Amino acid sequence: MVAVVTIAVVFTGLSVAIAWAATQGRLGGLTNALETQSRTGRRIVNSLLVFFYVGTGIALPVIFLVGNRDAASAQVAGIRLTADEKQGRMLFGEHCAVCHTLAAASAVGKTGPNLDQLKPPVSLILNTLQHGCLQKPLASQVQSTCLAYGTMPPDIVQGRQAQQVAEFVAKVAGHT
């Protein structure tokens, strides 16, 4: 919203400046009008020009970049993310991306399974996060059985964070 208002203000100012220049007899008239002004008038015009150039050359691109970053982090491959899923994306990047492949998180890990191919449901992800993953578990460790290759320790993330990661992965796995 701020970017739209900024664009409107900048281009309205530009339109007024062009209209004023046109009433002065084109650019030659504009130059003559600026040269015949008082010293204070020239300072005001120069200050406005500096403000305009800084606004369009620095402030406007910064506004667009910040706005674009916020919009980009709100979705993955056209899938809108909730606040918890965005947090899950960040946590996945911190704790899981080194081992797992998940295109939505730009992760290309080679140790754990490719989650885009596996497309696990939330319940399976939560179980794996809680109990870890062993290739050849003992009879007492049946909950730690892996669906793929690799060994994963339990409790890498816990509680609400585990839920956030699980919801993010389940929502985006295989969708990019």
C-alpha atoms as a PDB file:
ATOM      1  CA  MET A   1       0.000   0.000   0.000  1.00  0.00           C
ATOM      2  CA  VAL A   2       2.833   2.382   0.845  1.00  0.00           C
ATOM      3  CA  ALA A   3       4.424   1.697  -2.536  1.00  0.00           C
ATOM      4  CA  VAL A   4       1.202   2.533  -4.367  1.00  0.00           C
ATOM      5  CA  VAL A   5       0.830   5.834  -2.520  1.00  0.00           C
ATOM      6  CA  THR A   6       4.487   6.657  -3.140  1.00  0.00           C
ATOM      7  CA  ILE A   7       4.135   5.964  -6.851  1.00  0.00           C
ATOM      8  CA  ALA A   8       1.004   8.107  -7.019  1.00  0.00           C
ATOM      9  CA  VAL A   9       2.726  11.018  -5.269  1.00  0.00           C
ATOM     10  CA  VAL A  10       5.876  10.780  -7.394  1.00  0.00           C
ATOM     11  CA  PHE A  11       4.058  10.622 -10.691  1.00  0.00           C
ATOM     12  CA  THR A  12       1.597  13.360  -9.676  1.00  0.00           C
ATOM     13  CA  GLY A  13       4.578  15.580  -8.885  1.00  0.00           C
ATOM     14  CA  LEU A  14       6.175  14.666 -12.186  1.00  0.00           C
ATOM     15  CA  SER A  15       2.954  15.493 -14.031  1.00  0.00           C
ATOM     16  CA  VAL A  16       2.697  18.873 -12.315  1.00  0.00           C
ATOM     17  CA  ALA A  17       6.336  19.626 -13.188  1.00  0.00           C
ATOM     18  CA  ILE A  18       5.774  18.747 -16.834  1.00  0.00           C
ATOM     19  CA  ALA A  19       2.594  20.848 -16.957  1.00  0.00           C
ATOM     20  CA  TRP A  20       4.440  23.768 -15.394  1.00  0.00           C
ATOM     21  CA  ALA A  21       7.289  23.413 -17.890  1.00  0.00           C
ATOM     22  CA  ALA A  22       4.764  23.367 -20.724  1.00  0.00           C
ATOM     23  CA  THR A  23       3.210  26.635 -19.537  1.00  0.00           C
ATOM     24  CA  GLN A  24       6.668  28.238 -19.450  1.00  0.00           C
ATOM     25  CA  GLY A  25       7.267  27.664 -23.157  1.00  0.00           C
ATOM     26  CA  ARG A  26       8.819  24.168 -23.219  1.00  0.00           C
ATOM     27  CA  LEU A  27      12.249  23.363 -21.829  1.00  0.00           C
ATOM     28  CA  GLY A  28      13.843  26.604 -23.069  1.00  0.00           C
ATOM     29  CA  GLY A  29      11.185  28.543 -21.176  1.00  0.00           C
ATOM     30  CA  LEU A  30      11.768  26.336 -18.137  1.00  0.00           C
ATOM     31  CA  THR A  31      15.483  27.093 -18.201  1.00  0.00           C
ATOM     32  CA  ASN A  32      14.820  30.818 -18.511  1.00  0.00           C
ATOM     33  CA  ALA A  33      12.268  30.683 -15.704  1.00  0.00           C
ATOM     34  CA  LEU A  34      14.725  28.919 -13.393  1.00  0.00           C
ATOM     35  CA  GLU A  35      17.530  31.338 -14.207  1.00  0.00           C
ATOM     36  CA  THR A  36      15.478  34.438 -13.509  1.00  0.00           C
ATOM     37  CA  GLN A  37      14.279  33.325 -10.105  1.00  0.00           C
ATOM     38  CA  SER A  38      15.707  34.659  -6.894  1.00  0.00           C
ATOM     39  CA  ARG A  39      18.445  32.811  -5.086  1.00  0.00           C
ATOM     40  CA  THR A  40      15.904  31.403  -2.613  1.00  0.00           C
ATOM     41  CA  GLY A  41      13.703  30.243  -5.493  1.00  0.00           C
ATOM     42  CA  ARG A  42      16.614  28.400  -7.127  1.00  0.00           C
ATOM     43  CA  ARG A  43      17.447  26.702  -3.825  1.00  0.00           C
ATOM     44  CA  ILE A  44      13.872  25.537  -3.460  1.00  0.00           C
ATOM     45  CA  VAL A  45      13.801  24.189  -7.024  1.00  0.00           C
ATOM     46  CA  ASN A  46      17.172  22.461  -6.548  1.00  0.00           C
ATOM     47  CA  SER A  47      16.005  20.954  -3.259  1.00  0.00           C
ATOM     48  CA  LEU A  48      12.860  19.645  -4.946  1.00  0.00           C
ATOM     49  CA  LEU A  49      14.930  18.123  -7.755  1.00  0.00           C
ATOM     50  CA  VAL A  50      17.262  16.426  -5.263  1.00  0.00           C
ATOM     51  CA  PHE A  51      14.244  15.157  -3.329  1.00  0.00           C
ATOM     52  CA  PHE A  52      12.718  13.840  -6.565  1.00  0.00           C
ATOM     53  CA  TYR A  53      15.921  12.082  -7.672  1.00  0.00           C
ATOM     54  CA  VAL A  54      16.552  10.543  -4.256  1.00  0.00           C
ATOM     55  CA  GLY A  55      12.910   9.475  -4.027  1.00  0.00           C
ATOM     56  CA  THR A  56      12.803   7.832  -7.426  1.00  0.00           C
ATOM     57  CA  GLY A  57      16.393   6.559  -7.471  1.00  0.00           C
ATOM     58  CA  ILE A  58      16.743   5.207  -3.944  1.00  0.00           C
ATOM     59  CA  ALA A  59      13.553   5.247  -1.865  1.00  0.00           C
ATOM     60  CA  LEU A  60      11.202   3.840  -4.477  1.00  0.00           C
ATOM     61  CA  PRO A  61      13.392   0.816  -5.347  1.00  0.00           C
ATOM     62  CA  VAL A  62      13.916   0.097  -1.638  1.00  0.00           C
ATOM     63  CA  ILE A  63      10.149   0.186  -1.054  1.00  0.00           C
ATOM     64  CA  PHE A  64       9.579  -2.238  -3.921  1.00  0.00           C
ATOM     65  CA  LEU A  65      12.329  -4.593  -2.765  1.00  0.00           C
ATOM     66  CA  VAL A  66      11.046  -4.710   0.806  1.00  0.00           C
ATOM     67  CA  GLY A  67       7.455  -5.147  -0.345  1.00  0.00           C
ATOM     68  CA  ASN A  68       8.448  -7.857  -2.788  1.00  0.00           C
ATOM     69  CA  ARG A  69      10.387  -9.769  -0.126  1.00  0.00           C
ATOM     70  CA  ASP A  70       7.356  -9.749   2.178  1.00  0.00           C
ATOM     71  CA  ALA A  71       5.059 -10.907  -0.619  1.00  0.00           C
ATOM     72  CA  ALA A  72       7.511 -13.572  -1.756  1.00  0.00           C
ATOM     73  CA  SER A  73       7.848 -15.089   1.708  1.00  0.00           C
ATOM     74  CA  ALA A  74       4.048 -15.279   2.032  1.00  0.00           C
ATOM     75  CA  GLN A  75       3.765 -17.988  -0.610  1.00  0.00           C
ATOM     76  CA  VAL A  76       5.578 -20.877  -2.224  1.00  0.00           C
ATOM     77  CA  ALA A  77       4.803 -21.947  -5.793  1.00  0.00           C
ATOM     78  CA  GLY A  78       1.492 -20.109  -5.603  1.00  0.00           C
ATOM     79  CA  ILE A  79       0.550 -21.714  -2.269  1.00  0.00           C
ATOM     80  CA  ARG A  80      -0.216 -19.097   0.378  1.00  0.00           C
ATOM     81  CA  LEU A  81       1.455 -19.762   3.712  1.00  0.00           C
ATOM     82  CA  THR A  82       0.020 -19.013   7.131  1.00  0.00           C
ATOM     83  CA  ALA A  83       2.185 -17.349   9.770  1.00  0.00           C
ATOM     84  CA  ASP A  84       2.914 -20.759  11.332  1.00  0.00           C
ATOM     85  CA  GLU A  85       3.860 -22.234   7.951  1.00  0.00           C
ATOM     86  CA  LYS A  86       6.217 -19.318   7.262  1.00  0.00           C
ATOM     87  CA  GLN A  87       7.824 -19.979  10.623  1.00  0.00           C
ATOM     88  CA  GLY A  88       7.985 -23.684   9.704  1.00  0.00           C
ATOM     89  CA  ARG A  89       9.765 -22.746   6.475  1.00  0.00           C
ATOM     90  CA  MET A  90      12.382 -20.821   8.433  1.00  0.00           C
ATOM     91  CA  LEU A  91      12.819 -23.641  10.956  1.00  0.00           C
ATOM     92  CA  PHE A  92      13.097 -26.204   8.155  1.00  0.00           C
ATOM     93  CA  GLY A  93      15.876 -24.102   6.635  1.00  0.00           C
ATOM     94  CA  GLU A  94      17.723 -23.980   9.955  1.00  0.00           C
ATOM     95  CA  HIS A  95      17.343 -27.598  11.067  1.00  0.00           C
ATOM     96  CA  CYS A  96      16.349 -29.832   8.153  1.00  0.00           C
ATOM     97  CA  ALA A  97      17.584 -28.403   4.848  1.00  0.00           C
ATOM     98  CA  VAL A  98      21.119 -29.677   5.290  1.00  0.00           C
ATOM     99  CA  CYS A  99      19.880 -33.286   5.013  1.00  0.00           C
ATOM    100  CA  HIS A 100      16.580 -33.157   3.103  1.00  0.00           C
ATOM    101  CA  THR A 101      15.599 -32.054  -0.388  1.00  0.00           C
ATOM    102  CA  LEU A 102      12.536 -29.779  -0.502  1.00  0.00           C
ATOM    103  CA  ALA A 103      12.193 -27.428  -3.457  1.00  0.00           C
ATOM    104  CA  ALA A 104       9.898 -25.014  -1.602  1.00  0.00           C
ATOM    105  CA  ALA A 105      12.710 -24.345   0.873  1.00  0.00           C
ATOM    106  CA  SER A 106      15.473 -24.387  -1.769  1.00  0.00           C
ATOM    107  CA  ALA A 107      16.943 -27.363   0.086  1.00  0.00           C
ATOM    108  CA  VAL A 108      19.036 -29.973  -1.727  1.00  0.00           C
ATOM    109  CA  GLY A 109      20.240 -32.217   1.083  1.00  0.00           C
ATOM    110  CA  LYS A 110      21.545 -35.660   0.173  1.00  0.00           C
ATOM    111  CA  THR A 111      21.570 -37.505   3.509  1.00  0.00           C
ATOM    112  CA  GLY A 112      17.836 -37.788   4.165  1.00  0.00           C
ATOM    113  CA  PRO A 113      14.941 -38.587   1.865  1.00  0.00           C
ATOM    114  CA  ASN A 114      13.668 -36.211  -0.813  1.00  0.00           C
ATOM    115  CA  LEU A 115      10.512 -34.828   0.776  1.00  0.00           C
ATOM    116  CA  ASP A 116       9.130 -33.675  -2.575  1.00  0.00           C
ATOM    117  CA  GLN A 117       9.048 -37.301  -3.714  1.00  0.00           C
ATOM    118  CA  LEU A 118       7.920 -38.699  -0.373  1.00  0.00           C
ATOM    119  CA  LYS A 119       5.095 -36.122   0.186  1.00  0.00           C
ATOM    120  CA  PRO A 120       4.666 -37.104   3.847  1.00  0.00           C
ATOM    121  CA  PRO A 121       1.517 -36.223   5.828  1.00  0.00           C
ATOM    122  CA  VAL A 122       1.711 -34.093   8.975  1.00  0.00           C
ATOM    123  CA  SER A 123       1.325 -37.140  11.262  1.00  0.00           C
ATOM    124  CA  LEU A 124       4.316 -38.948   9.726  1.00  0.00           C
ATOM    125  CA  ILE A 125       6.491 -35.845   9.909  1.00  0.00           C
ATOM    126  CA  LEU A 126       5.577 -35.268  13.563  1.00  0.00           C
ATOM    127  CA  ASN A 127       6.284 -38.915  14.412  1.00  0.00           C
ATOM    128  CA  THR A 128       9.682 -38.766  12.700  1.00  0.00           C
ATOM    129  CA  LEU A 129      10.575 -35.474  14.375  1.00  0.00           C
ATOM    130  CA  GLN A 130       9.632 -36.872  17.775  1.00  0.00           C
ATOM    131  CA  HIS A 131      11.174 -40.359  17.510  1.00  0.00           C
ATOM    132  CA  GLY A 132      13.918 -39.867  14.954  1.00  0.00           C
ATOM    133  CA  CYS A 133      14.795 -42.400  12.304  1.00  0.00           C
ATOM    134  CA  LEU A 134      16.906 -45.553  12.522  1.00  0.00           C
ATOM    135  CA  GLN A 135      17.661 -47.861   9.602  1.00  0.00           C
ATOM    136  CA  LYS A 136      17.613 -51.088  11.622  1.00  0.00           C
ATOM    137  CA  PRO A 137      15.764 -50.354  14.869  1.00  0.00           C
ATOM    138  CA  LEU A 138      15.514 -52.805  17.734  1.00  0.00           C
ATOM    139  CA  ALA A 139      12.115 -54.277  18.584  1.00  0.00           C
ATOM    140  CA  SER A 140      11.687 -51.626  21.298  1.00  0.00           C
ATOM    141  CA  GLN A 141      12.389 -48.865  18.762  1.00  0.00           C
ATOM    142  CA  VAL A 142       9.696 -49.674  16.176  1.00  0.00           C
ATOM    143  CA  GLN A 143       8.480 -46.064  16.135  1.00  0.00           C
ATOM    144  CA  SER A 144      11.891 -45.023  14.821  1.00  0.00           C
ATOM    145  CA  THR A 145      11.593 -47.014  11.588  1.00  0.00           C
ATOM    146  CA  CYS A 146      12.551 -44.998   8.502  1.00  0.00           C
ATOM    147  CA  LEU A 147      10.674 -44.794   5.250  1.00  0.00           C
ATOM    148  CA  ALA A 148      13.831 -44.086   3.327  1.00  0.00           C
ATOM    149  CA  TYR A 149      17.565 -43.978   3.911  1.00  0.00           C
ATOM    150  CA  GLY A 150      19.614 -42.047   6.461  1.00  0.00           C
ATOM    151  CA  THR A 151      19.532 -41.814  10.217  1.00  0.00           C
ATOM    152  CA  MET A 152      17.872 -38.907  11.987  1.00  0.00           C
ATOM    153  CA  PRO A 153      18.103 -38.116  15.696  1.00  0.00           C
ATOM    154  CA  PRO A 154      14.871 -37.454  17.624  1.00  0.00           C
ATOM    155  CA  ASP A 155      13.712 -34.040  18.844  1.00  0.00           C
ATOM    156  CA  ILE A 156      15.556 -31.855  16.345  1.00  0.00           C
ATOM    157  CA  VAL A 157      12.583 -29.525  16.773  1.00  0.00           C
ATOM    158  CA  GLN A 158       9.922 -30.015  19.429  1.00  0.00           C
ATOM    159  CA  GLY A 159       6.437 -28.890  20.385  1.00  0.00           C
ATOM    160  CA  ARG A 160       4.991 -25.972  18.443  1.00  0.00           C
ATOM    161  CA  GLN A 161       8.088 -25.710  16.259  1.00  0.00           C
ATOM    162  CA  ALA A 162       7.722 -29.357  15.216  1.00  0.00           C
ATOM    163  CA  GLN A 163       4.073 -28.695  14.359  1.00  0.00           C
ATOM    164  CA  GLN A 164       5.065 -25.643  12.275  1.00  0.00           C
ATOM    165  CA  VAL A 165       7.704 -27.595  10.348  1.00  0.00           C
ATOM    166  CA  ALA A 166       5.316 -30.509   9.783  1.00  0.00           C
ATOM    167  CA  GLU A 167       2.533 -28.267   8.488  1.00  0.00           C
ATOM    168  CA  PHE A 168       4.905 -26.433   6.137  1.00  0.00           C
ATOM    169  CA  VAL A 169       6.441 -29.613   4.710  1.00  0.00           C
ATOM    170  CA  ALA A 170       3.098 -31.388   4.304  1.00  0.00           C
ATOM    171  CA  LYS A 171       1.613 -28.375   2.530  1.00  0.00           C
ATOM    172  CA  VAL A 172       4.418 -27.718   0.032  1.00  0.00           C
ATOM    173  CA  ALA A 173       6.121 -31.072  -0.550  1.00  0.00           C
ATOM    174  CA  GLY A 174       5.872 -32.022  -4.207  1.00  0.00           C
ATOM    175  CA  HIS A 175       4.105 -28.802  -5.257  1.00  0.00           C
ATOM    176  CA  THR A 176       6.929 -26.933  -7.001  1.00  0.00           C
END
